[in-house]
Protein backbone atom coordinates (compact mmCIF):
# COMPACT_ATOMS: atom_id res chain seq x y z
CA MET A 1 45.59 -22.67 99.70
CA VAL A 2 45.00 -20.63 96.56
CA LYS A 3 43.74 -23.65 94.62
CA GLU A 4 41.48 -24.59 97.53
CA LEU A 5 40.04 -21.07 97.77
CA SER A 6 39.46 -20.92 94.03
CA GLY A 7 38.17 -24.45 93.47
CA LYS A 8 36.36 -25.52 96.62
CA TYR A 9 35.18 -22.10 97.79
CA HIS A 10 34.69 -20.53 94.31
CA MET A 11 36.47 -17.32 95.24
CA LYS A 12 37.61 -14.97 92.47
CA GLN A 13 41.32 -14.38 91.96
CA SER A 14 40.98 -10.73 92.94
CA GLU A 15 39.21 -11.70 96.18
CA ILE A 16 41.87 -14.30 97.02
CA ALA A 17 44.61 -11.76 96.32
CA LYS A 18 43.02 -9.21 98.62
CA LYS A 19 42.56 -11.73 101.45
CA LEU A 20 46.16 -12.98 101.17
CA GLY A 21 47.76 -9.59 100.58
CA VAL A 22 49.26 -10.53 97.19
CA THR A 23 48.60 -9.43 93.63
CA GLN A 24 45.99 -11.00 91.38
CA ALA A 25 48.86 -11.90 89.03
CA SER A 26 50.50 -13.91 91.83
CA VAL A 27 47.24 -15.78 92.44
CA SER A 28 47.01 -16.54 88.72
CA GLN A 29 50.57 -17.89 88.73
CA TYR A 30 49.88 -20.09 91.76
CA LEU A 31 46.76 -21.46 90.09
CA SER A 32 48.69 -22.30 86.92
CA SER A 33 51.57 -23.73 89.00
CA THR A 34 54.09 -21.39 87.36
CA ARG A 35 54.89 -19.87 90.75
CA ALA A 36 54.66 -22.88 93.06
CA ALA A 37 56.14 -26.35 93.07
CA GLY A 38 52.71 -27.91 92.58
CA THR A 39 51.67 -30.74 94.83
CA LYS A 40 55.06 -32.43 95.26
CA VAL A 41 55.63 -31.00 98.73
CA THR A 42 52.05 -31.39 99.93
CA ASP A 43 52.01 -35.00 98.70
CA SER A 44 55.17 -35.73 100.67
CA PHE A 45 54.03 -33.87 103.79
CA PRO A 46 50.28 -34.27 104.35
CA LYS A 47 50.34 -32.00 107.39
CA ILE A 48 51.11 -29.09 105.04
CA ARG A 49 47.94 -29.88 103.08
CA SER A 50 46.00 -30.16 106.34
CA TYR A 51 47.15 -26.74 107.53
CA ALA A 52 46.45 -25.21 104.10
CA ASP A 53 42.94 -26.67 104.16
CA GLN A 54 42.31 -25.28 107.66
CA ILE A 55 43.50 -21.82 106.67
CA ALA A 56 41.52 -21.83 103.40
CA LYS A 57 38.35 -22.77 105.29
CA ARG A 58 38.91 -19.92 107.76
CA ILE A 59 39.56 -17.40 104.98
CA ALA A 60 36.51 -18.53 103.00
CA GLY A 61 34.46 -18.33 106.21
CA GLY A 62 35.33 -14.66 106.52
CA GLU A 63 37.78 -14.84 109.41
CA ASP A 64 39.88 -11.78 109.98
CA ARG A 65 43.48 -12.11 108.78
CA TYR A 66 44.80 -11.96 112.33
CA GLU A 67 42.68 -14.94 113.33
CA TRP A 68 43.90 -17.25 110.58
CA TYR A 69 47.47 -15.96 110.92
CA ALA A 70 47.58 -17.85 114.24
CA VAL A 71 47.08 -21.13 112.37
CA LEU A 72 49.72 -20.10 109.85
CA CYS A 73 52.22 -19.41 112.65
CA THR A 74 51.48 -22.77 114.25
CA ALA A 75 51.92 -24.47 110.88
CA CYS A 76 55.30 -22.83 110.29
CA LYS A 77 56.61 -23.83 113.70
CA ASP A 78 55.34 -27.39 113.30
CA ILE A 79 56.70 -27.85 109.77
CA ARG A 80 60.06 -26.25 110.58
CA SER A 81 60.52 -28.73 113.42
CA ASP A 82 60.10 -31.71 111.06
CA ASP A 83 63.59 -33.12 110.39
CA GLU A 84 62.53 -34.84 107.16
CA PHE A 85 61.02 -31.64 105.79
CA CYS A 86 64.18 -29.71 106.64
CA ARG A 87 66.34 -32.35 104.94
CA MET A 88 64.22 -32.26 101.79
CA HIS A 89 64.18 -28.46 101.75
CA ARG A 90 67.96 -28.29 102.16
CA ILE A 91 68.48 -30.69 99.23
CA ALA A 92 65.83 -29.18 96.95
CA SER A 93 67.07 -25.64 97.56
CA ASN A 94 70.78 -26.51 97.52
CA LEU A 95 71.23 -25.02 100.99
CA ASP A 96 74.27 -26.72 102.46
CA GLY A 97 74.67 -25.68 106.06
CA CYS A 98 71.19 -24.17 106.36
CA ASP A 99 69.86 -24.43 109.91
CA ILE A 100 66.95 -21.96 109.85
CA CYS A 101 64.39 -24.70 110.52
CA LYS A 102 65.98 -25.45 113.85
CA LYS A 103 65.87 -21.79 114.91
CA HIS A 104 62.21 -21.56 115.81
C-alpha cells in the first residue's frame, strides 16, 4: 500500500504516515523494503495485492480512516481463511502449532 500511495498517487511520506497512523521513518523503511518482505507475499497471493490496491485508492481519494478500515477488516478475514496462506505463514515465521488464522 505504501509503495502504491507513493508511486501511483504521488503522496509524500509524511502524508502517507499521517493517513496510516505510522511514523514517516516507517514509511521510508517500507519504501526501501527494509521493513517489509517486498513483493514475495503479494506475488504468491494476488488477492493481497488487490486489497492493498483498493485500500490505497480509497486513502488517496480522501476516504476517512473508518471507511477504508472496513476493507482492511474484510481483507484480514479473507486472507486468514486461506489455508495456503496460513501454511506459508507458519513455515516462513517458524510457527509450529500456530492456529490464529483459523480463529477469525
